All heavy atoms as atom14 arrays in JSON, in Angstrom:
{
  "sequence": "AWVQSLGGGPTVPDASQVSAGSADTALGEVL",
  "atom14_mask": [
    [1, 1, 1, 1, 1, 0, 0, 0, 0, 0, 0, 0, 0, 0],
    [1, 1, 1, 1, 1, 1, 1, 1, 1, 1, 1, 1, 1, 1],
    [1, 1, 1, 1, 1, 1, 1, 0, 0, 0, 0, 0, 0, 0],
    [1, 1, 1, 1, 1, 1, 1, 1, 1, 0, 0, 0, 0, 0],
    [1, 1, 1, 1, 1, 1, 0, 0, 0, 0, 0, 0, 0, 0],
    [1, 1, 1, 1, 1, 1, 1, 1, 0, 0, 0, 0, 0, 0],
    [1, 1, 1, 1, 0, 0, 0, 0, 0, 0, 0, 0, 0, 0],
    [1, 1, 1, 1, 0, 0, 0, 0, 0, 0, 0, 0, 0, 0],
    [1, 1, 1, 1, 0, 0, 0, 0, 0, 0, 0, 0, 0, 0],
    [1, 1, 1, 1, 1, 1, 1, 0, 0, 0, 0, 0, 0, 0],
    [1, 1, 1, 1, 1, 1, 1, 0, 0, 0, 0, 0, 0, 0],
    [1, 1, 1, 1, 1, 1, 1, 0, 0, 0, 0, 0, 0, 0],
    [1, 1, 1, 1, 1, 1, 1, 0, 0, 0, 0, 0, 0, 0],
    [1, 1, 1, 1, 1, 1, 1, 1, 0, 0, 0, 0, 0, 0],
    [1, 1, 1, 1, 1, 0, 0, 0, 0, 0, 0, 0, 0, 0],
    [1, 1, 1, 1, 1, 1, 0, 0, 0, 0, 0, 0, 0, 0],
    [1, 1, 1, 1, 1, 1, 1, 1, 1, 0, 0, 0, 0, 0],
    [1, 1, 1, 1, 1, 1, 1, 0, 0, 0, 0, 0, 0, 0],
    [1, 1, 1, 1, 1, 1, 0, 0, 0, 0, 0, 0, 0, 0],
    [1, 1, 1, 1, 1, 0, 0, 0, 0, 0, 0, 0, 0, 0],
    [1, 1, 1, 1, 0, 0, 0, 0, 0, 0, 0, 0, 0, 0],
    [1, 1, 1, 1, 1, 1, 0, 0, 0, 0, 0, 0, 0, 0],
    [1, 1, 1, 1, 1, 0, 0, 0, 0, 0, 0, 0, 0, 0],
    [1, 1, 1, 1, 1, 1, 1, 1, 0, 0, 0, 0, 0, 0],
    [1, 1, 1, 1, 1, 1, 1, 0, 0, 0, 0, 0, 0, 0],
    [1, 1, 1, 1, 1, 0, 0, 0, 0, 0, 0, 0, 0, 0],
    [1, 1, 1, 1, 1, 1, 1, 1, 0, 0, 0, 0, 0, 0],
    [1, 1, 1, 1, 0, 0, 0, 0, 0, 0, 0, 0, 0, 0],
    [1, 1, 1, 1, 1, 1, 1, 1, 1, 0, 0, 0, 0, 0],
    [1, 1, 1, 1, 1, 1, 1, 0, 0, 0, 0, 0, 0, 0],
    [1, 1, 1, 1, 1, 1, 1, 1, 0, 0, 0, 0, 0, 0]
  ],
  "atom14_positions": [
    [[0.83, -1.21, 0.0], [0.0, 0.0, 0.0], [0.86, 1.26, 0.0], [0.55, 2.24, -0.68], [-0.93, -0.01, 1.21], [0.0, 0.0, 0.0], [0.0, 0.0, 0.0], [0.0, 0.0, 0.0], [0.0, 0.0, 0.0], [0.0, 0.0, 0.0], [0.0, 0.0, 0.0], [0.0, 0.0, 0.0], [0.0, 0.0, 0.0], [0.0, 0.0, 0.0]],
    [[1.96, 1.24, 0.75], [2.86, 2.39, 0.77], [3.48, 2.62, -0.6], [3.52, 3.75, -1.1], [3.94, 2.19, 1.83], [4.93, 3.33, 1.83], [4.75, 4.58, 2.32], [6.24, 3.29, 1.28], [5.88, 5.35, 2.11], [6.82, 4.58, 1.47], [7.0, 2.32, 0.64], [8.09, 4.89, 1.05], [8.28, 2.64, 0.24], [8.81, 3.91, 0.43]],
    [[3.97, 1.52, -1.23], [4.56, 1.65, -2.57], [3.51, 2.16, -3.55], [3.78, 3.05, -4.37], [5.17, 0.3, -3.04], [5.57, 0.36, -4.51], [6.35, -0.09, -2.17], [0.0, 0.0, 0.0], [0.0, 0.0, 0.0], [0.0, 0.0, 0.0], [0.0, 0.0, 0.0], [0.0, 0.0, 0.0], [0.0, 0.0, 0.0], [0.0, 0.0, 0.0]],
    [[2.28, 1.65, -3.46], [1.21, 2.1, -4.36], [0.89, 3.57, -4.13], [0.55, 4.28, -5.06], [-0.03, 1.23, -4.15], [-1.15, 1.51, -5.14], [-0.77, 1.2, -6.58], [-0.09, 0.24, -6.85], [-1.22, 2.03, -7.5], [0.0, 0.0, 0.0], [0.0, 0.0, 0.0], [0.0, 0.0, 0.0], [0.0, 0.0, 0.0], [0.0, 0.0, 0.0]],
    [[1.02, 4.05, -2.9], [0.72, 5.46, -2.6], [1.72, 6.41, -3.26], [1.43, 7.59, -3.42], [0.71, 5.7, -1.09], [2.03, 5.68, -0.57], [0.0, 0.0, 0.0], [0.0, 0.0, 0.0], [0.0, 0.0, 0.0], [0.0, 0.0, 0.0], [0.0, 0.0, 0.0], [0.0, 0.0, 0.0], [0.0, 0.0, 0.0], [0.0, 0.0, 0.0]],
    [[2.88, 5.88, -3.64], [3.88, 6.71, -4.31], [3.49, 7.01, -5.74], [4.07, 7.88, -6.38], [5.25, 6.02, -4.26], [5.8, 5.74, -2.87], [7.1, 4.96, -2.96], [5.99, 7.03, -2.08], [0.0, 0.0, 0.0], [0.0, 0.0, 0.0], [0.0, 0.0, 0.0], [0.0, 0.0, 0.0], [0.0, 0.0, 0.0], [0.0, 0.0, 0.0]],
    [[2.5, 6.28, -6.26], [1.95, 6.55, -7.58], [2.47, 5.63, -8.65], [3.59, 5.13, -8.59], [0.0, 0.0, 0.0], [0.0, 0.0, 0.0], [0.0, 0.0, 0.0], [0.0, 0.0, 0.0], [0.0, 0.0, 0.0], [0.0, 0.0, 0.0], [0.0, 0.0, 0.0], [0.0, 0.0, 0.0], [0.0, 0.0, 0.0], [0.0, 0.0, 0.0]],
    [[1.61, 5.39, -9.61], [1.97, 4.57, -10.76], [1.92, 3.08, -10.48], [1.87, 2.64, -9.35], [0.0, 0.0, 0.0], [0.0, 0.0, 0.0], [0.0, 0.0, 0.0], [0.0, 0.0, 0.0], [0.0, 0.0, 0.0], [0.0, 0.0, 0.0], [0.0, 0.0, 0.0], [0.0, 0.0, 0.0], [0.0, 0.0, 0.0], [0.0, 0.0, 0.0]],
    [[1.91, 2.34, -11.56], [1.94, 0.9, -11.46], [0.58, 0.29, -11.17], [-0.33, 0.95, -10.69], [0.0, 0.0, 0.0], [0.0, 0.0, 0.0], [0.0, 0.0, 0.0], [0.0, 0.0, 0.0], [0.0, 0.0, 0.0], [0.0, 0.0, 0.0], [0.0, 0.0, 0.0], [0.0, 0.0, 0.0], [0.0, 0.0, 0.0], [0.0, 0.0, 0.0]],
    [[0.45, -0.98, -11.48], [-0.83, -1.66, -11.24], [-1.04, -1.93, -9.75], [-0.09, -2.01, -8.98], [-0.69, -2.97, -12.02], [0.78, -3.2, -12.11], [1.42, -1.85, -12.12], [0.0, 0.0, 0.0], [0.0, 0.0, 0.0], [0.0, 0.0, 0.0], [0.0, 0.0, 0.0], [0.0, 0.0, 0.0], [0.0, 0.0, 0.0], [0.0, 0.0, 0.0]],
    [[-2.29, -2.08, -9.36], [-2.62, -2.39, -7.98], [-2.54, -3.9, -7.77], [-2.55, -4.68, -8.72], [-4.04, -1.91, -7.63], [-4.96, -2.56, -8.5], [-4.15, -0.4, -7.79], [0.0, 0.0, 0.0], [0.0, 0.0, 0.0], [0.0, 0.0, 0.0], [0.0, 0.0, 0.0], [0.0, 0.0, 0.0], [0.0, 0.0, 0.0], [0.0, 0.0, 0.0]],
    [[-2.49, -4.3, -6.51], [-2.5, -5.72, -6.18], [-3.88, -6.27, -6.55], [-4.9, -5.68, -6.17], [-2.22, -5.94, -4.67], [-2.36, -7.39, -4.29], [-0.85, -5.41, -4.3], [0.0, 0.0, 0.0], [0.0, 0.0, 0.0], [0.0, 0.0, 0.0], [0.0, 0.0, 0.0], [0.0, 0.0, 0.0], [0.0, 0.0, 0.0], [0.0, 0.0, 0.0]],
    [[-3.93, -7.36, -7.31], [-5.24, -7.87, -7.72], [-6.03, -8.4, -6.53], [-5.46, -8.95, -5.58], [-4.88, -9.0, -8.7], [-3.49, -9.38, -8.35], [-2.83, -8.16, -7.82], [0.0, 0.0, 0.0], [0.0, 0.0, 0.0], [0.0, 0.0, 0.0], [0.0, 0.0, 0.0], [0.0, 0.0, 0.0], [0.0, 0.0, 0.0], [0.0, 0.0, 0.0]],
    [[-7.35, -8.21, -6.58], [-8.18, -8.72, -5.5], [-8.57, -10.18, -5.8], [-8.22, -10.72, -6.85], [-9.4, -7.83, -5.28], [-10.29, -7.74, -6.51], [-10.27, -8.65, -7.35], [-11.02, -6.73, -6.63], [0.0, 0.0, 0.0], [0.0, 0.0, 0.0], [0.0, 0.0, 0.0], [0.0, 0.0, 0.0], [0.0, 0.0, 0.0], [0.0, 0.0, 0.0]],
    [[-9.29, -10.78, -4.89], [-9.64, -12.2, -5.01], [-10.44, -12.5, -6.27], [-10.27, -13.56, -6.89], [-10.4, -12.65, -3.77], [0.0, 0.0, 0.0], [0.0, 0.0, 0.0], [0.0, 0.0, 0.0], [0.0, 0.0, 0.0], [0.0, 0.0, 0.0], [0.0, 0.0, 0.0], [0.0, 0.0, 0.0], [0.0, 0.0, 0.0], [0.0, 0.0, 0.0]],
    [[-11.31, -11.58, -6.69], [-12.12, -11.83, -7.89], [-11.26, -11.84, -9.16], [-11.59, -12.51, -10.13], [-13.23, -10.79, -8.02], [-12.68, -9.51, -8.27], [0.0, 0.0, 0.0], [0.0, 0.0, 0.0], [0.0, 0.0, 0.0], [0.0, 0.0, 0.0], [0.0, 0.0, 0.0], [0.0, 0.0, 0.0], [0.0, 0.0, 0.0], [0.0, 0.0, 0.0]],
    [[-10.15, -11.1, -9.15], [-9.28, -11.05, -10.33], [-8.46, -12.33, -10.5], [-8.03, -12.63, -11.6], [-8.34, -9.85, -10.26], [-9.04, -8.52, -10.45], [-8.08, -7.37, -10.29], [-7.63, -7.1, -9.18], [-7.77, -6.71, -11.38], [0.0, 0.0, 0.0], [0.0, 0.0, 0.0], [0.0, 0.0, 0.0], [0.0, 0.0, 0.0], [0.0, 0.0, 0.0]],
    [[-8.22, -13.04, -9.43], [-7.41, -14.26, -9.51], [-8.21, -15.53, -9.29], [-7.67, -16.63, -9.29], [-6.22, -14.22, -8.52], [-5.31, -13.06, -8.85], [-6.7, -14.14, -7.08], [0.0, 0.0, 0.0], [0.0, 0.0, 0.0], [0.0, 0.0, 0.0], [0.0, 0.0, 0.0], [0.0, 0.0, 0.0], [0.0, 0.0, 0.0], [0.0, 0.0, 0.0]],
    [[-9.52, -15.39, -9.11], [-10.39, -16.55, -8.86], [-10.46, -17.44, -10.09], [-10.62, -16.97, -11.22], [-11.8, -16.07, -8.5], [-12.67, -17.17, -8.47], [0.0, 0.0, 0.0], [0.0, 0.0, 0.0], [0.0, 0.0, 0.0], [0.0, 0.0, 0.0], [0.0, 0.0, 0.0], [0.0, 0.0, 0.0], [0.0, 0.0, 0.0], [0.0, 0.0, 0.0]],
    [[-10.35, -18.74, -9.87], [-10.4, -19.7, -10.97], [-11.81, -20.26, -11.14], [-12.01, -21.22, -11.88], [-9.42, -20.83, -10.71], [0.0, 0.0, 0.0], [0.0, 0.0, 0.0], [0.0, 0.0, 0.0], [0.0, 0.0, 0.0], [0.0, 0.0, 0.0], [0.0, 0.0, 0.0], [0.0, 0.0, 0.0], [0.0, 0.0, 0.0], [0.0, 0.0, 0.0]],
    [[-12.8, -19.65, -10.49], [-14.17, -20.16, -10.53], [-14.75, -20.29, -11.93], [-15.31, -21.32, -12.29], [0.0, 0.0, 0.0], [0.0, 0.0, 0.0], [0.0, 0.0, 0.0], [0.0, 0.0, 0.0], [0.0, 0.0, 0.0], [0.0, 0.0, 0.0], [0.0, 0.0, 0.0], [0.0, 0.0, 0.0], [0.0, 0.0, 0.0], [0.0, 0.0, 0.0]],
    [[-14.63, -19.27, -12.75], [-15.2, -19.3, -14.1], [-14.12, -19.49, -15.17], [-14.34, -19.18, -16.33], [-15.96, -18.01, -14.37], [-15.05, -16.92, -14.35], [0.0, 0.0, 0.0], [0.0, 0.0, 0.0], [0.0, 0.0, 0.0], [0.0, 0.0, 0.0], [0.0, 0.0, 0.0], [0.0, 0.0, 0.0], [0.0, 0.0, 0.0], [0.0, 0.0, 0.0]],
    [[-12.98, -20.01, -14.75], [-11.84, -20.12, -15.68], [-11.96, -21.36, -16.55], [-12.53, -22.37, -16.17], [-10.54, -20.17, -14.89], [0.0, 0.0, 0.0], [0.0, 0.0, 0.0], [0.0, 0.0, 0.0], [0.0, 0.0, 0.0], [0.0, 0.0, 0.0], [0.0, 0.0, 0.0], [0.0, 0.0, 0.0], [0.0, 0.0, 0.0], [0.0, 0.0, 0.0]],
    [[-11.39, -21.25, -17.74], [-11.33, -22.34, -18.71], [-9.89, -22.85, -18.74], [-9.02, -22.23, -19.36], [-11.76, -21.8, -20.08], [-11.75, -22.86, -21.18], [-11.35, -24.01, -20.9], [-12.14, -22.52, -22.31], [0.0, 0.0, 0.0], [0.0, 0.0, 0.0], [0.0, 0.0, 0.0], [0.0, 0.0, 0.0], [0.0, 0.0, 0.0], [0.0, 0.0, 0.0]],
    [[-9.63, -23.99, -18.09], [-8.25, -24.49, -18.0], [-7.73, -24.93, -19.37], [-6.52, -24.84, -19.6], [-8.13, -25.64, -16.99], [-9.05, -26.67, -17.34], [-8.4, -25.18, -15.58], [0.0, 0.0, 0.0], [0.0, 0.0, 0.0], [0.0, 0.0, 0.0], [0.0, 0.0, 0.0], [0.0, 0.0, 0.0], [0.0, 0.0, 0.0], [0.0, 0.0, 0.0]],
    [[-8.6, -25.38, -20.25], [-8.14, -25.79, -21.59], [-7.62, -24.57, -22.36], [-6.56, -24.63, -22.99], [-9.26, -26.47, -22.36], [0.0, 0.0, 0.0], [0.0, 0.0, 0.0], [0.0, 0.0, 0.0], [0.0, 0.0, 0.0], [0.0, 0.0, 0.0], [0.0, 0.0, 0.0], [0.0, 0.0, 0.0], [0.0, 0.0, 0.0], [0.0, 0.0, 0.0]],
    [[-8.35, -23.46, -22.3], [-7.87, -22.23, -22.94], [-6.63, -21.73, -22.22], [-5.69, -21.24, -22.85], [-8.96, -21.15, -22.92], [-8.56, -19.8, -23.51], [-8.12, -19.94, -24.97], [-9.69, -18.8, -23.37], [0.0, 0.0, 0.0], [0.0, 0.0, 0.0], [0.0, 0.0, 0.0], [0.0, 0.0, 0.0], [0.0, 0.0, 0.0], [0.0, 0.0, 0.0]],
    [[-6.59, -21.89, -20.89], [-5.42, -21.5, -20.12], [-4.18, -22.26, -20.56], [-3.08, -21.7, -20.64], [0.0, 0.0, 0.0], [0.0, 0.0, 0.0], [0.0, 0.0, 0.0], [0.0, 0.0, 0.0], [0.0, 0.0, 0.0], [0.0, 0.0, 0.0], [0.0, 0.0, 0.0], [0.0, 0.0, 0.0], [0.0, 0.0, 0.0], [0.0, 0.0, 0.0]],
    [[-4.35, -23.54, -20.88], [-3.21, -24.34, -21.36], [-2.71, -23.82, -22.7], [-1.5, -23.7, -22.93], [-3.6, -25.81, -21.49], [-2.48, -26.68, -22.0], [-2.87, -28.14, -22.12], [-4.06, -28.48, -22.0], [-1.96, -28.96, -22.34], [0.0, 0.0, 0.0], [0.0, 0.0, 0.0], [0.0, 0.0, 0.0], [0.0, 0.0, 0.0], [0.0, 0.0, 0.0]],
    [[-3.64, -23.5, -23.6], [-3.26, -22.96, -24.91], [-2.53, -21.63, -24.74], [-1.47, -21.41, -25.35], [-4.51, -22.79, -25.81], [-4.18, -22.03, -27.08], [-5.11, -24.14, -26.14], [0.0, 0.0, 0.0], [0.0, 0.0, 0.0], [0.0, 0.0, 0.0], [0.0, 0.0, 0.0], [0.0, 0.0, 0.0], [0.0, 0.0, 0.0], [0.0, 0.0, 0.0]],
    [[-3.06, -20.76, -23.91], [-2.44, -19.46, -23.68], [-1.08, -19.6, -22.99], [-0.13, -18.9, -23.33], [-3.37, -18.56, -22.85], [-4.66, -18.12, -23.54], [-5.63, -17.52, -22.54], [-4.34, -17.14, -24.66], [0.0, 0.0, 0.0], [0.0, 0.0, 0.0], [0.0, 0.0, 0.0], [0.0, 0.0, 0.0], [0.0, 0.0, 0.0], [0.0, 0.0, 0.0]]
  ]
}
């Protein structure tokens, strides 16, 4: 949070951004 307060750069992803609930592992393998 301190580093983010200095400005710039992406934020730490939240749980919904990394959730594998609706993910397609077959497409993930291709990618």
